[in-house]
Amino acid sequence: MSYEETIKELEEIINRLENEKLPLSSAQKLFERASELSKLAQGELSKATGKLYQIKKELDNITEEEV
């Protein structure tokens, strides 16, 4: 599941929880799924951030070598 798909499903769940009158058991299952999705999204963001920092570090090294 891509980051975008994860966020889309998370938004749909939040919308349902906010706007529908759900039985407690259904709301609990949706909340648990939202929690799982949130962890997945956070993991993907962490990976992307790490890659960006690595790229920046490499670019900084290249720039320093040229000076």
PDB file of N, CA and C in Angstrom:
ATOM      1  N   MET A   1       0.855  -1.182   0.000  1.00  0.00           N
ATOM      2  CA  MET A   1       0.000   0.000   0.000  1.00  0.00           C
ATOM      3  C   MET A   1       0.895   1.238   0.000  1.00  0.00           C
ATOM      4  N   SER A   2       0.623   2.146  -0.911  1.00  0.00           N
ATOM      5  CA  SER A   2       1.425   3.362  -1.008  1.00  0.00           C
ATOM      6  C   SER A   2       1.051   4.343   0.107  1.00  0.00           C
ATOM      7  N   TYR A   3       1.921   5.320   0.291  1.00  0.00           N
ATOM      8  CA  TYR A   3       1.654   6.354   1.290  1.00  0.00           C
ATOM      9  C   TYR A   3       0.333   7.057   0.979  1.00  0.00           C
ATOM     10  N   GLU A   4       0.132   7.367  -0.294  1.00  0.00           N
ATOM     11  CA  GLU A   4      -1.085   8.083  -0.695  1.00  0.00           C
ATOM     12  C   GLU A   4      -2.337   7.252  -0.423  1.00  0.00           C
ATOM     13  N   GLU A   5      -2.269   5.952  -0.701  1.00  0.00           N
ATOM     14  CA  GLU A   5      -3.407   5.062  -0.427  1.00  0.00           C
ATOM     15  C   GLU A   5      -3.668   4.965   1.073  1.00  0.00           C
ATOM     16  N   THR A   6      -2.598   4.917   1.844  1.00  0.00           N
ATOM     17  CA  THR A   6      -2.720   4.854   3.294  1.00  0.00           C
ATOM     18  C   THR A   6      -3.424   6.096   3.824  1.00  0.00           C
ATOM     19  N   ILE A   7      -2.993   7.250   3.368  1.00  0.00           N
ATOM     20  CA  ILE A   7      -3.594   8.509   3.815  1.00  0.00           C
ATOM     21  C   ILE A   7      -5.057   8.590   3.386  1.00  0.00           C
ATOM     22  N   LYS A   8      -5.352   8.154   2.170  1.00  0.00           N
ATOM     23  CA  LYS A   8      -6.734   8.193   1.685  1.00  0.00           C
ATOM     24  C   LYS A   8      -7.639   7.330   2.557  1.00  0.00           C
ATOM     25  N   GLU A   9      -7.202   6.108   2.861  1.00  0.00           N
ATOM     26  CA  GLU A   9      -8.017   5.237   3.716  1.00  0.00           C
ATOM     27  C   GLU A   9      -8.157   5.830   5.114  1.00  0.00           C
ATOM     28  N   LEU A  10      -7.088   6.396   5.623  1.00  0.00           N
ATOM     29  CA  LEU A  10      -7.130   7.023   6.938  1.00  0.00           C
ATOM     30  C   LEU A  10      -8.135   8.171   6.967  1.00  0.00           C
ATOM     31  N   GLU A  11      -8.140   8.988   5.925  1.00  0.00           N
ATOM     32  CA  GLU A  11      -9.100  10.096   5.842  1.00  0.00           C
ATOM     33  C   GLU A  11     -10.532   9.584   5.776  1.00  0.00           C
ATOM     34  N   GLU A  12     -10.749   8.504   5.035  1.00  0.00           N
ATOM     35  CA  GLU A  12     -12.091   7.923   4.942  1.00  0.00           C
ATOM     36  C   GLU A  12     -12.567   7.414   6.306  1.00  0.00           C
ATOM     37  N   ILE A  13     -11.674   6.779   7.033  1.00  0.00           N
ATOM     38  CA  ILE A  13     -12.025   6.283   8.369  1.00  0.00           C
ATOM     39  C   ILE A  13     -12.350   7.442   9.296  1.00  0.00           C
ATOM     40  N   ILE A  14     -11.532   8.469   9.280  1.00  0.00           N
ATOM     41  CA  ILE A  14     -11.773   9.632  10.137  1.00  0.00           C
ATOM     42  C   ILE A  14     -13.119  10.260   9.809  1.00  0.00           C
ATOM     43  N   ASN A  15     -13.420  10.362   8.532  1.00  0.00           N
ATOM     44  CA  ASN A  15     -14.699  10.918   8.107  1.00  0.00           C
ATOM     45  C   ASN A  15     -15.866  10.076   8.644  1.00  0.00           C
ATOM     46  N   ARG A  16     -15.737   8.765   8.546  1.00  0.00           N
ATOM     47  CA  ARG A  16     -16.797   7.889   9.063  1.00  0.00           C
ATOM     48  C   ARG A  16     -16.953   8.040  10.572  1.00  0.00           C
ATOM     49  N   LEU A  17     -15.835   8.066  11.274  1.00  0.00           N
ATOM     50  CA  LEU A  17     -15.901   8.189  12.734  1.00  0.00           C
ATOM     51  C   LEU A  17     -16.521   9.519  13.163  1.00  0.00           C
ATOM     52  N   GLU A  18     -16.256  10.569  12.409  1.00  0.00           N
ATOM     53  CA  GLU A  18     -16.780  11.889  12.758  1.00  0.00           C
ATOM     54  C   GLU A  18     -18.236  12.077  12.348  1.00  0.00           C
ATOM     55  N   ASN A  19     -18.647  11.441  11.259  1.00  0.00           N
ATOM     56  CA  ASN A  19     -19.949  11.774  10.689  1.00  0.00           C
ATOM     57  C   ASN A  19     -21.014  10.689  10.763  1.00  0.00           C
ATOM     58  N   GLU A  20     -20.642   9.487  11.116  1.00  0.00           N
ATOM     59  CA  GLU A  20     -21.624   8.405  11.178  1.00  0.00           C
ATOM     60  C   GLU A  20     -21.859   7.992  12.622  1.00  0.00           C
ATOM     61  N   LYS A  21     -23.063   7.575  12.874  1.00  0.00           N
ATOM     62  CA  LYS A  21     -23.386   7.020  14.193  1.00  0.00           C
ATOM     63  C   LYS A  21     -23.174   5.518  14.114  1.00  0.00           C
ATOM     64  N   LEU A  22     -22.013   5.110  14.547  1.00  0.00           N
ATOM     65  CA  LEU A  22     -21.611   3.710  14.438  1.00  0.00           C
ATOM     66  C   LEU A  22     -21.769   3.002  15.778  1.00  0.00           C
ATOM     67  N   PRO A  23     -22.058   1.708  15.737  1.00  0.00           N
ATOM     68  CA  PRO A  23     -22.024   0.935  16.980  1.00  0.00           C
ATOM     69  C   PRO A  23     -20.608   0.966  17.555  1.00  0.00           C
ATOM     70  N   LEU A  24     -20.523   0.853  18.838  1.00  0.00           N
ATOM     71  CA  LEU A  24     -19.230   0.942  19.506  1.00  0.00           C
ATOM     72  C   LEU A  24     -18.222  -0.051  18.930  1.00  0.00           C
ATOM     73  N   SER A  25     -18.642  -1.273  18.669  1.00  0.00           N
ATOM     74  CA  SER A  25     -17.708  -2.279  18.152  1.00  0.00           C
ATOM     75  C   SER A  25     -17.179  -1.883  16.772  1.00  0.00           C
ATOM     76  N   SER A  26     -18.028  -1.324  15.929  1.00  0.00           N
ATOM     77  CA  SER A  26     -17.585  -0.874  14.602  1.00  0.00           C
ATOM     78  C   SER A  26     -16.633   0.301  14.717  1.00  0.00           C
ATOM     79  N   ALA A  27     -16.958   1.233  15.579  1.00  0.00           N
ATOM     80  CA  ALA A  27     -16.095   2.396  15.786  1.00  0.00           C
ATOM     81  C   ALA A  27     -14.742   1.959  16.326  1.00  0.00           C
ATOM     82  N   GLN A  28     -14.743   0.988  17.220  1.00  0.00           N
ATOM     83  CA  GLN A  28     -13.491   0.496  17.786  1.00  0.00           C
ATOM     84  C   GLN A  28     -12.630  -0.151  16.704  1.00  0.00           C
ATOM     85  N   LYS A  29     -13.230  -0.955  15.831  1.00  0.00           N
ATOM     86  CA  LYS A  29     -12.479  -1.589  14.746  1.00  0.00           C
ATOM     87  C   LYS A  29     -11.903  -0.542  13.792  1.00  0.00           C
ATOM     88  N   LEU A  30     -12.698   0.471  13.478  1.00  0.00           N
ATOM     89  CA  LEU A  30     -12.207   1.536  12.604  1.00  0.00           C
ATOM     90  C   LEU A  30     -11.067   2.301  13.269  1.00  0.00           C
ATOM     91  N   PHE A  31     -11.197   2.561  14.561  1.00  0.00           N
ATOM     92  CA  PHE A  31     -10.149   3.268  15.282  1.00  0.00           C
ATOM     93  C   PHE A  31      -8.856   2.454  15.281  1.00  0.00           C
ATOM     94  N   GLU A  32      -8.973   1.142  15.476  1.00  0.00           N
ATOM     95  CA  GLU A  32      -7.793   0.279  15.457  1.00  0.00           C
ATOM     96  C   GLU A  32      -7.133   0.287  14.080  1.00  0.00           C
ATOM     97  N   ARG A  33      -7.941   0.238  13.027  1.00  0.00           N
ATOM     98  CA  ARG A  33      -7.404   0.288  11.668  1.00  0.00           C
ATOM     99  C   ARG A  33      -6.716   1.629  11.418  1.00  0.00           C
ATOM    100  N   ALA A  34      -7.338   2.709  11.893  1.00  0.00           N
ATOM    101  CA  ALA A  34      -6.744   4.036  11.740  1.00  0.00           C
ATOM    102  C   ALA A  34      -5.394   4.101  12.444  1.00  0.00           C
ATOM    103  N   SER A  35      -5.302   3.481  13.587  1.00  0.00           N
ATOM    104  CA  SER A  35      -4.039   3.457  14.319  1.00  0.00           C
ATOM    105  C   SER A  35      -2.965   2.718  13.522  1.00  0.00           C
ATOM    106  N   GLU A  36      -3.329   1.571  12.924  1.00  0.00           N
ATOM    107  CA  GLU A  36      -2.390   0.820  12.091  1.00  0.00           C
ATOM    108  C   GLU A  36      -1.935   1.658  10.894  1.00  0.00           C
ATOM    109  N   LEU A  37      -2.887   2.303  10.242  1.00  0.00           N
ATOM    110  CA  LEU A  37      -2.569   3.128   9.080  1.00  0.00           C
ATOM    111  C   LEU A  37      -1.667   4.294   9.450  1.00  0.00           C
ATOM    112  N   SER A  38      -1.937   4.885  10.593  1.00  0.00           N
ATOM    113  CA  SER A  38      -1.119   5.994  11.062  1.00  0.00           C
ATOM    114  C   SER A  38       0.340   5.552  11.257  1.00  0.00           C
ATOM    115  N   LYS A  39       0.520   4.370  11.827  1.00  0.00           N
ATOM    116  CA  LYS A  39       1.873   3.844  12.028  1.00  0.00           C
ATOM    117  C   LYS A  39       2.559   3.578  10.687  1.00  0.00           C
ATOM    118  N   LEU A  40       1.803   3.034   9.731  1.00  0.00           N
ATOM    119  CA  LEU A  40       2.369   2.803   8.396  1.00  0.00           C
ATOM    120  C   LEU A  40       2.797   4.106   7.742  1.00  0.00           C
ATOM    121  N   ALA A  41       1.932   5.111   7.808  1.00  0.00           N
ATOM    122  CA  ALA A  41       2.235   6.402   7.203  1.00  0.00           C
ATOM    123  C   ALA A  41       3.456   7.034   7.867  1.00  0.00           C
ATOM    124  N   GLN A  42       3.524   6.958   9.186  1.00  0.00           N
ATOM    125  CA  GLN A  42       4.663   7.529   9.902  1.00  0.00           C
ATOM    126  C   GLN A  42       5.953   6.825   9.505  1.00  0.00           C
ATOM    127  N   GLY A  43       5.890   5.512   9.334  1.00  0.00           N
ATOM    128  CA  GLY A  43       7.068   4.763   8.901  1.00  0.00           C
ATOM    129  C   GLY A  43       7.534   5.192   7.526  1.00  0.00           C
ATOM    130  N   GLU A  44       6.594   5.368   6.616  1.00  0.00           N
ATOM    131  CA  GLU A  44       6.945   5.819   5.267  1.00  0.00           C
ATOM    132  C   GLU A  44       7.552   7.221   5.288  1.00  0.00           C
ATOM    133  N   LEU A  45       6.994   8.099   6.110  1.00  0.00           N
ATOM    134  CA  LEU A  45       7.555   9.448   6.224  1.00  0.00           C
ATOM    135  C   LEU A  45       8.968   9.416   6.800  1.00  0.00           C
ATOM    136  N   SER A  46       9.189   8.557   7.773  1.00  0.00           N
ATOM    137  CA  SER A  46      10.521   8.436   8.369  1.00  0.00           C
ATOM    138  C   SER A  46      11.535   7.951   7.335  1.00  0.00           C
ATOM    139  N   LYS A  47      11.131   6.963   6.525  1.00  0.00           N
ATOM    140  CA  LYS A  47      12.026   6.466   5.477  1.00  0.00           C
ATOM    141  C   LYS A  47      12.354   7.572   4.477  1.00  0.00           C
ATOM    142  N   ALA A  48      11.326   8.293   4.057  1.00  0.00           N
ATOM    143  CA  ALA A  48      11.535   9.367   3.086  1.00  0.00           C
ATOM    144  C   ALA A  48      12.434  10.450   3.659  1.00  0.00           C
ATOM    145  N   THR A  49      12.223  10.802   4.914  1.00  0.00           N
ATOM    146  CA  THR A  49      13.050  11.813   5.565  1.00  0.00           C
ATOM    147  C   THR A  49      14.503  11.357   5.624  1.00  0.00           C
ATOM    148  N   GLY A  50      14.711  10.105   5.978  1.00  0.00           N
ATOM    149  CA  GLY A  50      16.070   9.561   6.022  1.00  0.00           C
ATOM    150  C   GLY A  50      16.752   9.621   4.675  1.00  0.00           C
ATOM    151  N   LYS A  51      16.026   9.284   3.626  1.00  0.00           N
ATOM    152  CA  LYS A  51      16.595   9.336   2.276  1.00  0.00           C
ATOM    153  C   LYS A  51      16.943  10.766   1.889  1.00  0.00           C
ATOM    154  N   LEU A  52      16.063  11.700   2.237  1.00  0.00           N
ATOM    155  CA  LEU A  52      16.330  13.101   1.903  1.00  0.00           C
ATOM    156  C   LEU A  52      17.557  13.627   2.640  1.00  0.00           C
ATOM    157  N   TYR A  53      17.702  13.267   3.917  1.00  0.00           N
ATOM    158  CA  TYR A  53      18.886  13.694   4.664  1.00  0.00           C
ATOM    159  C   TYR A  53      20.154  13.098   4.053  1.00  0.00           C
ATOM    160  N   GLN A  54      20.083  11.842   3.612  1.00  0.00           N
ATOM    161  CA  GLN A  54      21.237  11.202   2.999  1.00  0.00           C
ATOM    162  C   GLN A  54      21.614  11.907   1.699  1.00  0.00           C
ATOM    163  N   ILE A  55      20.635  12.223   0.884  1.00  0.00           N
ATOM    164  CA  ILE A  55      20.887  12.934  -0.372  1.00  0.00           C
ATOM    165  C   ILE A  55      21.506  14.298  -0.090  1.00  0.00           C
ATOM    166  N   LYS A  56      20.948  15.008   0.890  1.00  0.00           N
ATOM    167  CA  LYS A  56      21.484  16.327   1.248  1.00  0.00           C
ATOM    168  C   LYS A  56      22.936  16.208   1.709  1.00  0.00           C
ATOM    169  N   LYS A  57      23.208  15.207   2.523  1.00  0.00           N
ATOM    170  CA  LYS A  57      24.571  15.015   3.013  1.00  0.00           C
ATOM    171  C   LYS A  57      25.533  14.758   1.851  1.00  0.00           C
ATOM    172  N   GLU A  58      25.114  13.917   0.901  1.00  0.00           N
ATOM    173  CA  GLU A  58      25.947  13.643  -0.259  1.00  0.00           C
ATOM    174  C   GLU A  58      26.165  14.898  -1.092  1.00  0.00           C
ATOM    175  N   LEU A  59      25.120  15.686  -1.275  1.00  0.00           N
ATOM    176  CA  LEU A  59      25.254  16.931  -2.033  1.00  0.00           C
ATOM    177  C   LEU A  59      26.166  17.918  -1.317  1.00  0.00           C
ATOM    178  N   ASP A  60      26.046  17.987   0.005  1.00  0.00           N
ATOM    179  CA  ASP A  60      26.930  18.869   0.780  1.00  0.00           C
ATOM    180  C   ASP A  60      28.388  18.443   0.624  1.00  0.00           C
ATOM    181  N   ASN A  61      28.655  17.142   0.630  1.00  0.00           N
ATOM    182  CA  ASN A  61      30.013  16.644   0.454  1.00  0.00           C
ATOM    183  C   ASN A  61      30.565  16.989  -0.921  1.00  0.00           C
ATOM    184  N   ILE A  62      29.725  16.854  -1.930  1.00  0.00           N
ATOM    185  CA  ILE A  62      30.149  17.194  -3.287  1.00  0.00           C
ATOM    186  C   ILE A  62      30.486  18.674  -3.368  1.00  0.00           C
ATOM    187  N   THR A  63      29.631  19.508  -2.781  1.00  0.00           N
ATOM    188  CA  THR A  63      29.840  20.963  -2.805  1.00  0.00           C
ATOM    189  C   THR A  63      31.123  21.323  -2.083  1.00  0.00           C
ATOM    190  N   GLU A  64      31.404  20.693  -0.926  1.00  0.00           N
ATOM    191  CA  GLU A  64      32.616  20.983  -0.161  1.00  0.00           C
ATOM    192  C   GLU A  64      33.863  20.565  -0.941  1.00  0.00           C
ATOM    193  N   GLU A  65      33.801  19.465  -1.681  1.00  0.00           N
ATOM    194  CA  GLU A  65      34.928  19.009  -2.457  1.00  0.00           C
ATOM    195  C   GLU A  65      35.259  19.953  -3.607  1.00  0.00           C
ATOM    196  N   GLU A  66      34.251  20.607  -4.136  1.00  0.00           N
ATOM    197  CA  GLU A  66      34.453  21.521  -5.252  1.00  0.00           C
ATOM    198  C   GLU A  66      35.049  22.854  -4.830  1.00  0.00           C
ATOM    199  N   VAL A  67      34.895  23.187  -3.551  1.00  0.00           N
ATOM    200  CA  VAL A  67      35.372  24.488  -3.079  1.00  0.00           C
ATOM    201  C   VAL A  67      36.838  24.504  -2.850  1.00  0.00           C
TER     202      VAL A  67
END
